[in-house]
Amino acid sequence: MCIVRRGLPFNFVKYKWVRELLSYINFDVKHVSMNTLVSSLLKVHGEMKEKLKYAIHKCHNRICLTSNCWTACTQEGYICLTTHFVDNNWKLNSKILVFCKLEPPHTGEDLTNKVFEVLTEWEIDRKIFSITLDNASANDRMQELLGEQLRLQNSLLCDGEFLHVGCCAHVLNLIVQDGLNVTEVALQKIRDNIKYVRASEGIDTIVGLRLDVPTRWNSTYIMLESALRYRRAFASFTIRDRKYKCCPSNEEWKRAEKLCDFLKTFYKMTNLISGTSYPTSNEYFMQVWKIEWLLRETLKCDDPVSQNMTVLMMEKFGKYWSDYNVILSIAMILDPRMKLEALRFYYSKLDASTCDEKINNIKENMYKLFDEYEYINYVSQNVNVNGKSELDLYLAETPLEPKFFPKLDILSYWKDRQERYPNLCRLACEVLSIPITIVASESAFSIGARVLNKYHASLLPSNVQALILTPNWINGFRE
């Protein structure tokens, strides 16, 4: 279990000091070989797989997926498929189904074949609700082909209208990167200053000055924040080091401060949606709304640089988030603190002229989805004497006051209403379990990079999968 829980290498059992320690603890201990260890690991992996398969089959709810591809240090391609579902105890589960080698080329057809093969192996091809993917062209093709395959089985709700969900974190990254291109010159000057100071003699490089990774905009925010914290120190350094001539001017510091404040909202959103404790999908709408509201307000400012940056970001926002994703807007209605009233309020703040049209579209789609659940799971008590459905009754209830329920456990709320709203509760737990990012797959790649590195580059794909999946099935993504 040390190998599984702590990610230790197989040759751990051959270390001299390990054997001496075990012999000291137990004089009669029988040391195992690497082959025995691998066999034991594969046995535990098989047992855990059967347990997870049974848990998924026992669960009455549909499941949601995320998928992504990764290139290892060996230049071999791997595909990861994760599942997300609310179990019969109303707990949100996130597990890796497969982490396996994928031979090139990684076309949409290849991805579809592999994903469908995994779904049939796990016998869940008729339980799929959605799949969350990034915007790679191969993924676009894959979700089309997968949707066609699942429609042939007549196993999708609303004919697969809500099958594909775009990765929120990926779209957010594209939006911010477009905006940062406008300020690249100013950012490069901050970057050069930090490099110069950190390379200078007698300077403690652990003071907190951070450099960014250009492909990760959130690291750019951290860099700006750290530089602004030491703004006076940079000015003092010009006195100490006469060769230091590139210190930002007051005007450049003010611009950096504005940019840092602007990026703060995006940074908070990224932390929320990219954490290892994955949020339920009702969190999506408000975060996207805050982004659009911030962009619209920034467009009104007098600063031409900020305006140019925001125009580019609004174009990208409109490309990916103009409709806010209907199924994830439905998730917000399923938050008893929000419902349609909150949706109407926020849409009207953005554009009152299109508010009714957007609300009617979301409401129409929500009733269409609910009708599918009523048709499949019809219970005679669900309609009262006035002919109102569960959804009618829920929407007619007064929303909960947010200030009294700031940290409402939304799954517990719906769990307590199973008798009153049996069909709507099932809809709620399936919609709320939709992952709004592919962070689960990305987390698996981080684990994969620790398992498959330059020191362990010749591991068999089956052993790689066992080393990654088994601890995930035992511990989840937290450890």
Protein backbone atom coordinates (compact mmCIF):
# COMPACT_ATOMS: atom_id res chain seq x y z
CA MET A 1 0.00 0.00 0.00
CA CYS A 2 3.01 2.33 0.36
CA ILE A 3 3.50 2.07 -3.39
CA VAL A 4 -0.18 2.88 -4.04
CA ARG A 5 -0.71 5.62 -1.48
CA ARG A 6 2.66 7.41 -1.77
CA GLY A 7 3.58 6.80 -5.40
CA LEU A 8 6.85 5.05 -4.54
CA PRO A 9 8.80 3.24 -7.30
CA PHE A 10 8.59 -0.54 -7.64
CA ASN A 11 12.27 -0.97 -6.73
CA PHE A 12 11.45 0.53 -3.32
CA VAL A 13 11.29 -3.06 -2.03
CA LYS A 14 14.91 -3.62 -3.14
CA TYR A 15 16.38 -0.72 -1.16
CA LYS A 16 18.87 -2.04 1.37
CA TRP A 17 17.79 0.29 4.17
CA VAL A 18 14.11 -0.63 3.62
CA ARG A 19 14.89 -4.31 3.97
CA GLU A 20 17.04 -3.64 7.06
CA LEU A 21 14.23 -1.60 8.63
CA LEU A 22 11.62 -4.29 7.94
CA SER A 23 13.94 -6.99 9.32
CA TYR A 24 14.56 -4.88 12.43
CA ILE A 25 10.81 -4.47 12.99
CA ASN A 26 10.05 -8.13 12.28
CA PHE A 27 12.91 -10.63 12.32
CA ASP A 28 10.79 -13.22 10.45
CA VAL A 29 9.70 -10.87 7.66
CA LYS A 30 9.68 -12.32 4.14
CA HIS A 31 10.96 -9.79 1.62
CA VAL A 32 9.07 -9.63 -1.67
CA SER A 33 10.51 -9.23 -5.15
CA MET A 34 9.55 -6.54 -7.65
CA ASN A 35 7.61 -9.07 -9.74
CA THR A 36 5.58 -10.12 -6.70
CA LEU A 37 4.93 -6.47 -5.90
CA VAL A 38 3.70 -5.72 -9.43
CA SER A 39 1.42 -8.77 -9.36
CA SER A 40 -0.02 -7.65 -6.02
CA LEU A 41 -0.59 -4.13 -7.34
CA LEU A 42 -2.42 -5.40 -10.42
CA LYS A 43 -4.55 -7.63 -8.19
CA VAL A 44 -5.52 -4.67 -5.95
CA HIS A 45 -6.18 -2.61 -9.08
CA GLY A 46 -8.53 -5.29 -10.42
CA GLU A 47 -10.41 -5.54 -7.12
CA MET A 48 -10.82 -1.76 -6.86
CA LYS A 49 -12.03 -1.60 -10.46
CA GLU A 50 -14.78 -4.12 -9.76
CA LYS A 51 -15.83 -2.16 -6.66
CA LEU A 52 -16.04 1.10 -8.61
CA LYS A 53 -17.89 -0.56 -11.48
CA TYR A 54 -20.42 -1.95 -9.00
CA ALA A 55 -20.84 1.47 -7.34
CA ILE A 56 -21.51 3.12 -10.71
CA HIS A 57 -23.99 0.42 -11.75
CA LYS A 58 -25.77 0.62 -8.39
CA CYS A 59 -26.14 4.40 -8.80
CA HIS A 60 -29.49 5.35 -10.33
CA ASN A 61 -28.21 8.60 -11.83
CA ARG A 62 -26.56 9.32 -15.15
CA ILE A 63 -22.87 10.18 -15.20
CA CYS A 64 -20.84 13.03 -16.67
CA LEU A 65 -17.41 12.72 -18.25
CA THR A 66 -14.28 14.75 -18.93
CA SER A 67 -11.56 13.77 -21.36
CA ASN A 68 -8.21 15.08 -22.53
CA CYS A 69 -4.95 13.88 -24.10
CA TRP A 70 -1.40 14.18 -22.77
CA THR A 71 2.10 13.63 -24.12
CA ALA A 72 4.48 11.95 -21.66
CA CYS A 73 8.22 12.59 -21.36
CA THR A 74 8.66 9.51 -23.57
CA GLN A 75 6.75 11.38 -26.33
CA GLU A 76 4.00 8.76 -26.12
CA GLY A 77 0.38 9.89 -26.15
CA TYR A 78 -2.07 9.07 -23.34
CA ILE A 79 -5.80 9.65 -23.01
CA CYS A 80 -7.57 10.22 -19.71
CA LEU A 81 -11.30 9.79 -19.15
CA THR A 82 -12.85 10.77 -15.81
CA THR A 83 -16.36 10.23 -14.51
CA HIS A 84 -18.43 12.51 -12.25
CA PHE A 85 -21.68 11.44 -10.66
CA VAL A 86 -23.83 11.88 -7.57
CA ASP A 87 -24.18 8.53 -5.83
CA ASN A 88 -27.23 7.20 -4.01
CA ASN A 89 -26.00 8.92 -0.81
CA TRP A 90 -25.99 12.27 -2.66
CA LYS A 91 -22.20 12.59 -2.58
CA LEU A 92 -20.42 13.99 -5.64
CA ASN A 93 -17.83 11.49 -6.90
CA SER A 94 -14.97 12.16 -9.30
CA LYS A 95 -12.96 9.15 -10.47
CA ILE A 96 -10.55 8.32 -13.30
CA LEU A 97 -11.96 5.60 -15.55
CA VAL A 98 -8.95 5.13 -17.78
CA PHE A 99 -5.44 6.50 -18.27
CA CYS A 100 -4.08 4.57 -21.21
CA LYS A 101 -1.66 4.83 -24.08
CA LEU A 102 -3.14 6.14 -27.34
CA GLU A 103 -1.34 5.43 -30.57
CA PRO A 104 -1.11 8.30 -33.11
CA PRO A 105 -2.70 9.92 -34.98
CA HIS A 106 -4.99 11.41 -32.34
CA THR A 107 -7.87 12.22 -34.69
CA GLY A 108 -11.48 12.71 -33.67
CA GLU A 109 -12.24 9.22 -34.99
CA ASP A 110 -9.46 7.65 -32.89
CA LEU A 111 -10.61 9.47 -29.76
CA THR A 112 -14.23 8.42 -30.35
CA ASN A 113 -13.29 4.77 -30.77
CA LYS A 114 -11.22 4.76 -27.58
CA VAL A 115 -13.82 6.61 -25.47
CA PHE A 116 -16.67 4.38 -26.69
CA GLU A 117 -14.53 1.30 -26.05
CA VAL A 118 -14.03 2.42 -22.43
CA LEU A 119 -17.74 3.20 -21.98
CA THR A 120 -18.76 -0.25 -23.21
CA GLU A 121 -16.07 -1.95 -21.11
CA TRP A 122 -17.47 -0.23 -18.01
CA GLU A 123 -21.04 -0.86 -19.25
CA ILE A 124 -22.01 2.80 -18.88
CA ASP A 125 -22.59 3.71 -22.53
CA ARG A 126 -26.34 4.06 -21.81
CA LYS A 127 -25.86 6.23 -18.71
CA ILE A 128 -24.06 9.25 -20.20
CA PHE A 129 -25.40 12.74 -19.52
CA SER A 130 -22.56 15.00 -20.72
CA ILE A 131 -18.88 15.15 -21.65
CA THR A 132 -16.70 18.19 -20.93
CA LEU A 133 -13.88 18.91 -23.39
CA ASP A 134 -11.52 21.71 -24.35
CA ASN A 135 -11.73 23.42 -27.74
CA ALA A 136 -9.25 21.27 -29.68
CA SER A 137 -10.53 20.45 -33.17
CA ALA A 138 -10.11 16.71 -32.56
CA ASN A 139 -12.37 17.01 -29.50
CA ASP A 140 -15.02 18.85 -31.53
CA ARG A 141 -15.05 16.00 -34.02
CA MET A 142 -15.01 13.41 -31.24
CA GLN A 143 -18.08 14.78 -29.47
CA GLU A 144 -19.98 14.82 -32.78
CA LEU A 145 -19.15 11.19 -33.55
CA LEU A 146 -19.73 10.07 -29.96
CA GLY A 147 -23.11 11.80 -29.98
CA GLU A 148 -24.06 9.99 -33.20
CA GLN A 149 -23.00 6.66 -31.71
CA LEU A 150 -25.01 7.19 -28.51
CA ARG A 151 -28.06 8.41 -30.45
CA LEU A 152 -28.13 5.12 -32.35
CA GLN A 153 -28.69 3.48 -28.95
CA ASN A 154 -31.38 6.05 -28.11
CA SER A 155 -29.59 6.58 -24.79
CA LEU A 156 -29.23 10.38 -24.69
CA LEU A 157 -31.64 12.85 -23.14
CA CYS A 158 -33.15 15.41 -25.55
CA ASP A 159 -31.38 13.64 -28.42
CA GLY A 160 -27.98 14.69 -27.07
CA GLU A 161 -28.68 18.43 -27.14
CA PHE A 162 -26.83 18.88 -23.83
CA LEU A 163 -24.10 16.28 -24.38
CA HIS A 164 -21.16 18.60 -25.11
CA VAL A 165 -19.93 21.09 -22.49
CA GLY A 166 -16.94 23.35 -23.18
CA CYS A 167 -14.17 23.63 -20.58
CA CYS A 168 -14.73 26.90 -18.71
CA ALA A 169 -11.07 27.22 -17.63
CA HIS A 170 -9.83 26.76 -21.20
CA VAL A 171 -12.17 29.44 -22.56
CA LEU A 172 -11.20 31.81 -19.75
CA ASN A 173 -7.53 31.29 -20.61
CA LEU A 174 -8.18 32.13 -24.29
CA ILE A 175 -10.07 35.30 -23.32
CA VAL A 176 -7.37 36.63 -20.99
CA GLN A 177 -4.46 35.70 -23.27
CA ASP A 178 -6.02 37.74 -26.08
CA GLY A 179 -6.23 40.76 -23.78
CA LEU A 180 -2.68 40.42 -22.46
CA ASN A 181 -1.27 40.57 -25.99
CA VAL A 182 -2.07 44.32 -25.96
CA THR A 183 0.04 44.90 -22.82
CA GLU A 184 2.95 42.61 -23.74
CA VAL A 185 5.52 45.46 -23.90
CA ALA A 186 4.65 46.70 -20.39
CA LEU A 187 4.61 43.16 -19.01
CA GLN A 188 7.99 42.40 -20.55
CA LYS A 189 9.50 45.43 -18.80
CA ILE A 190 8.22 44.20 -15.42
CA ARG A 191 9.55 40.75 -16.28
CA ASP A 192 13.01 42.12 -17.19
CA ASN A 193 13.18 44.14 -13.97
CA ILE A 194 12.43 41.12 -11.82
CA LYS A 195 15.04 39.06 -13.68
CA TYR A 196 17.67 41.77 -13.19
CA VAL A 197 17.00 42.20 -9.47
CA ARG A 198 16.89 38.46 -8.79
CA ALA A 199 20.19 37.96 -10.60
CA SER A 200 21.96 40.74 -8.67
CA GLU A 201 24.52 39.89 -5.99
CA GLY A 202 23.50 40.24 -2.38
CA ILE A 203 19.77 40.08 -3.16
CA ASP A 204 17.67 37.51 -1.35
CA THR A 205 15.78 35.84 -4.21
CA ILE A 206 13.29 34.33 -1.77
CA VAL A 207 11.84 37.73 -0.85
CA GLY A 208 8.74 37.02 -2.89
CA LEU A 209 9.43 38.34 -6.37
CA ARG A 210 7.80 35.93 -8.82
CA LEU A 211 8.40 35.39 -12.52
CA ASP A 212 5.56 34.26 -14.73
CA VAL A 213 5.20 31.48 -17.27
CA PRO A 214 4.07 33.25 -20.48
CA THR A 215 1.61 30.46 -21.38
CA ARG A 216 -0.11 30.69 -17.98
CA TRP A 217 -1.76 34.07 -17.54
CA ASN A 218 -2.60 33.45 -13.86
CA SER A 219 1.15 33.35 -13.16
CA THR A 220 1.33 36.79 -14.84
CA TYR A 221 -1.16 38.09 -12.28
CA ILE A 222 0.97 36.65 -9.44
CA MET A 223 4.07 38.27 -10.97
CA LEU A 224 2.37 41.69 -11.13
CA GLU A 225 1.09 41.37 -7.58
CA SER A 226 4.55 40.51 -6.25
CA ALA A 227 6.24 43.33 -8.22
CA LEU A 228 3.75 45.93 -6.96
CA ARG A 229 4.36 44.77 -3.40
CA TYR A 230 8.07 45.69 -3.81
CA ARG A 231 7.52 48.86 -5.82
CA ARG A 232 9.51 51.04 -3.40
CA ALA A 233 12.29 48.47 -3.22
CA PHE A 234 12.74 48.73 -7.00
CA ALA A 235 13.11 52.52 -6.66
CA SER A 236 15.66 52.09 -3.85
CA PHE A 237 17.62 49.64 -5.96
CA THR A 238 18.35 52.38 -8.53
CA ILE A 239 20.42 54.14 -5.82
CA ARG A 240 22.29 50.99 -4.84
CA ASP A 241 23.04 49.80 -8.39
CA ARG A 242 23.99 52.53 -10.86
CA LYS A 243 23.74 50.08 -13.76
CA TYR A 244 20.07 49.54 -13.01
CA LYS A 245 18.45 51.91 -15.52
CA CYS A 246 15.19 50.15 -16.42
CA CYS A 247 13.10 50.79 -13.30
CA PRO A 248 9.44 51.39 -14.31
CA SER A 249 8.23 54.98 -14.14
CA ASN A 250 5.34 56.08 -11.92
CA GLU A 251 3.06 55.99 -14.96
CA GLU A 252 4.12 52.42 -15.77
CA TRP A 253 3.56 51.35 -12.16
CA LYS A 254 0.06 52.86 -12.26
CA ARG A 255 -0.70 50.92 -15.44
CA ALA A 256 0.59 47.72 -13.83
CA GLU A 257 -1.63 48.40 -10.82
CA LYS A 258 -4.70 48.83 -13.04
CA LEU A 259 -3.90 45.64 -14.92
CA CYS A 260 -3.41 43.72 -11.68
CA ASP A 261 -6.78 44.90 -10.34
CA PHE A 262 -8.42 44.00 -13.65
CA LEU A 263 -6.96 40.47 -13.65
CA LYS A 264 -7.91 39.82 -10.03
CA THR A 265 -11.51 38.87 -10.91
CA PHE A 266 -10.29 36.40 -13.52
CA TYR A 267 -7.76 34.98 -11.08
CA LYS A 268 -10.42 34.38 -8.41
CA MET A 269 -12.67 32.69 -10.94
CA THR A 270 -9.83 30.42 -12.08
CA ASN A 271 -9.11 29.38 -8.48
CA LEU A 272 -12.79 28.60 -7.91
CA ILE A 273 -13.31 26.44 -10.99
CA SER A 274 -9.86 24.83 -11.04
CA GLY A 275 -9.61 23.59 -7.47
CA THR A 276 -9.37 19.92 -6.57
CA SER A 277 -12.69 20.16 -4.69
CA TYR A 278 -14.74 20.44 -7.85
CA PRO A 279 -17.68 22.87 -7.61
CA THR A 280 -21.20 21.89 -8.61
CA SER A 281 -22.27 23.42 -11.92
CA ASN A 282 -24.55 26.07 -10.37
CA GLU A 283 -21.35 28.10 -9.76
CA TYR A 284 -20.85 28.61 -13.51
CA PHE A 285 -23.40 31.29 -14.41
CA MET A 286 -22.43 33.89 -11.82
CA GLN A 287 -18.73 33.62 -12.67
CA VAL A 288 -19.34 34.12 -16.39
CA TRP A 289 -21.74 36.98 -15.67
CA LYS A 290 -19.11 38.74 -13.52
CA ILE A 291 -16.62 38.48 -16.37
CA GLU A 292 -19.03 40.01 -18.90
CA TRP A 293 -20.06 42.76 -16.47
CA LEU A 294 -16.40 43.64 -15.81
CA LEU A 295 -15.59 43.72 -19.53
CA ARG A 296 -18.58 45.96 -20.30
CA GLU A 297 -17.66 48.36 -17.49
CA THR A 298 -14.01 48.49 -18.60
CA LEU A 299 -15.11 49.42 -22.13
CA LYS A 300 -16.52 52.66 -20.68
CA CYS A 301 -13.18 53.81 -19.24
CA ASP A 302 -11.03 56.53 -20.82
CA ASP A 303 -7.80 54.53 -20.94
CA PRO A 304 -7.16 53.52 -24.60
CA VAL A 305 -4.93 50.55 -23.65
CA SER A 306 -7.61 49.10 -21.36
CA GLN A 307 -10.22 49.66 -24.06
CA ASN A 308 -8.16 47.92 -26.75
CA MET A 309 -7.51 45.01 -24.42
CA THR A 310 -11.20 44.70 -23.50
CA VAL A 311 -12.38 44.84 -27.13
CA LEU A 312 -10.27 41.78 -27.95
CA MET A 313 -11.49 39.97 -24.85
CA MET A 314 -15.14 40.76 -25.65
CA GLU A 315 -14.71 39.29 -29.14
CA LYS A 316 -13.42 36.04 -27.66
CA PHE A 317 -16.13 36.11 -24.98
CA GLY A 318 -18.82 36.45 -27.65
CA LYS A 319 -17.36 33.55 -29.61
CA TYR A 320 -17.55 31.05 -26.75
CA TRP A 321 -19.91 32.40 -24.08
CA SER A 322 -22.52 34.50 -25.89
CA ASP A 323 -25.32 32.08 -24.91
CA TYR A 324 -23.87 31.30 -21.43
CA ASN A 325 -24.42 27.56 -22.12
CA VAL A 326 -28.10 26.69 -21.63
CA ILE A 327 -27.61 23.55 -19.52
CA LEU A 328 -25.34 25.39 -17.07
CA SER A 329 -27.82 28.27 -16.86
CA ILE A 330 -30.41 25.64 -15.91
CA ALA A 331 -28.01 24.60 -13.13
CA MET A 332 -28.30 28.10 -11.66
CA ILE A 333 -32.11 27.85 -11.64
CA LEU A 334 -31.69 24.66 -9.62
CA ASP A 335 -29.96 26.72 -6.93
CA PRO A 336 -32.90 27.53 -4.59
CA ARG A 337 -31.30 30.88 -3.72
CA MET A 338 -31.38 32.01 -7.37
CA LYS A 339 -34.07 30.47 -9.61
CA LEU A 340 -35.53 32.42 -12.55
CA GLU A 341 -35.76 35.66 -10.58
CA ALA A 342 -31.99 35.95 -10.21
CA LEU A 343 -31.44 34.93 -13.82
CA ARG A 344 -33.83 37.66 -14.98
CA PHE A 345 -32.15 40.25 -12.76
CA TYR A 346 -28.64 39.54 -14.04
CA TYR A 347 -29.65 39.33 -17.71
CA SER A 348 -31.53 42.63 -17.45
CA LYS A 349 -28.46 44.31 -15.92
CA LEU A 350 -26.51 43.39 -19.06
CA ASP A 351 -29.18 44.11 -21.69
CA ALA A 352 -32.84 44.61 -20.80
CA SER A 353 -33.91 44.39 -24.46
CA THR A 354 -32.79 40.74 -24.83
CA CYS A 355 -33.57 39.59 -21.29
CA ASP A 356 -37.03 38.09 -21.95
CA GLU A 357 -35.84 36.24 -25.04
CA LYS A 358 -32.95 34.62 -23.14
CA ILE A 359 -35.12 33.72 -20.15
CA ASN A 360 -37.80 32.15 -22.35
CA ASN A 361 -35.19 30.11 -24.22
CA ILE A 362 -33.68 28.73 -21.00
CA LYS A 363 -37.12 28.09 -19.48
CA GLU A 364 -38.27 26.26 -22.61
CA ASN A 365 -35.18 24.05 -22.59
CA MET A 366 -35.55 23.33 -18.88
CA TYR A 367 -39.14 22.17 -19.32
CA LYS A 368 -38.11 20.07 -22.32
CA LEU A 369 -35.41 18.37 -20.24
CA PHE A 370 -37.77 17.88 -17.29
CA ASP A 371 -40.35 16.25 -19.59
CA GLU A 372 -37.76 13.56 -20.38
CA TYR A 373 -37.45 12.72 -16.68
CA GLU A 374 -41.20 12.67 -16.19
CA TYR A 375 -41.59 10.36 -19.18
CA ILE A 376 -38.90 7.95 -17.93
CA ASN A 377 -39.68 8.05 -14.20
CA TYR A 378 -43.34 9.05 -14.09
CA VAL A 379 -44.88 8.93 -10.61
CA SER A 380 -48.59 9.70 -10.31
CA GLN A 381 -48.15 11.85 -7.18
CA ASN A 382 -45.94 14.29 -9.10
CA VAL A 383 -48.89 16.31 -10.40
CA ASN A 384 -51.17 18.00 -7.89
CA VAL A 385 -54.88 18.67 -8.19
CA ASN A 386 -54.24 21.89 -10.12
CA GLY A 387 -52.33 20.00 -12.79
CA LYS A 388 -48.99 21.61 -11.90
CA SER A 389 -45.77 19.66 -12.37
CA GLU A 390 -42.89 19.38 -9.90
CA LEU A 391 -41.02 22.02 -11.87
CA ASP A 392 -44.01 24.39 -11.74
CA LEU A 393 -44.24 23.96 -7.97
CA TYR A 394 -40.49 24.46 -7.44
CA LEU A 395 -40.36 27.63 -9.53
CA ALA A 396 -43.41 29.00 -7.70
CA GLU A 397 -41.69 28.67 -4.32
CA THR A 398 -40.07 31.80 -2.88
CA PRO A 399 -36.26 31.62 -3.33
CA LEU A 400 -34.13 31.19 -0.22
CA GLU A 401 -32.48 34.37 1.04
CA PRO A 402 -28.77 34.17 0.00
CA LYS A 403 -27.55 36.09 3.05
CA PHE A 404 -29.05 33.43 5.33
CA PHE A 405 -27.62 30.55 3.26
CA PRO A 406 -24.18 31.76 2.08
CA LYS A 407 -22.69 28.25 2.06
CA LEU A 408 -25.71 26.16 1.17
CA ASP A 409 -24.94 22.50 0.42
CA ILE A 410 -27.06 22.33 -2.70
CA LEU A 411 -26.93 18.53 -2.98
CA SER A 412 -28.17 18.18 0.61
CA TYR A 413 -31.00 20.60 -0.22
CA TRP A 414 -32.21 18.38 -3.06
CA LYS A 415 -31.65 15.20 -1.06
CA ASP A 416 -34.14 16.47 1.53
CA ARG A 417 -36.78 17.05 -1.18
CA GLN A 418 -36.81 13.63 -2.84
CA GLU A 419 -40.32 12.80 -1.69
CA ARG A 420 -41.79 16.11 -2.82
CA TYR A 421 -39.88 16.36 -6.14
CA PRO A 422 -38.66 12.84 -7.10
CA ASN A 423 -38.17 13.54 -10.82
CA LEU A 424 -36.86 17.08 -10.40
CA CYS A 425 -34.40 15.84 -7.76
CA ARG A 426 -32.96 13.34 -10.19
CA LEU A 427 -32.65 16.03 -12.86
CA ALA A 428 -30.96 18.29 -10.31
CA CYS A 429 -28.32 15.82 -9.18
CA GLU A 430 -27.40 14.97 -12.79
CA VAL A 431 -27.21 18.58 -13.99
CA LEU A 432 -25.34 19.75 -10.88
CA SER A 433 -22.71 17.01 -11.31
CA ILE A 434 -21.62 18.37 -14.73
CA PRO A 435 -17.91 19.30 -14.46
CA ILE A 436 -17.45 22.83 -15.78
CA THR A 437 -13.74 22.23 -16.50
CA ILE A 438 -11.43 19.38 -17.50
CA VAL A 439 -9.33 19.97 -14.36
CA ALA A 440 -9.94 16.36 -13.28
CA SER A 441 -8.16 15.12 -16.41
CA GLU A 442 -5.40 17.72 -15.98
CA SER A 443 -4.90 16.57 -12.38
CA ALA A 444 -4.44 13.03 -13.66
CA PHE A 445 -1.71 14.28 -16.01
CA SER A 446 0.10 15.88 -13.06
CA ILE A 447 0.06 12.49 -11.35
CA GLY A 448 1.15 10.86 -14.62
CA ALA A 449 4.18 13.17 -14.83
CA ARG A 450 5.30 11.95 -11.39
CA VAL A 451 4.75 8.29 -12.25
CA LEU A 452 6.18 8.37 -15.77
CA ASN A 453 9.35 10.47 -15.67
CA LYS A 454 12.91 10.24 -16.99
CA TYR A 455 13.82 7.84 -14.17
CA HIS A 456 10.86 5.54 -14.84
CA ALA A 457 10.37 5.91 -18.59
CA SER A 458 10.14 2.20 -19.40
CA LEU A 459 7.10 1.32 -17.28
CA LEU A 460 4.53 -0.83 -19.06
CA PRO A 461 1.31 1.07 -19.92
CA SER A 462 -0.70 -1.39 -17.77
CA ASN A 463 1.54 -0.63 -14.77
CA VAL A 464 1.30 3.12 -15.41
CA GLN A 465 -2.49 2.87 -15.39
CA ALA A 466 -2.51 0.79 -12.20
CA LEU A 467 -0.19 3.27 -10.41
CA ILE A 468 -2.40 6.23 -11.37
CA LEU A 469 -5.91 4.80 -11.10
CA THR A 470 -5.61 2.72 -7.92
CA PRO A 471 -4.68 5.60 -5.56
CA ASN A 472 -7.31 7.78 -7.23
CA TRP A 473 -9.99 5.17 -6.56
CA ILE A 474 -8.84 4.92 -2.94
CA ASN A 475 -8.04 8.55 -2.12
CA GLY A 476 -9.65 10.64 -4.84
CA PHE A 477 -7.78 13.65 -6.27
CA ARG A 478 -6.91 15.25 -2.92
CA GLU A 479 -3.83 13.29 -1.94
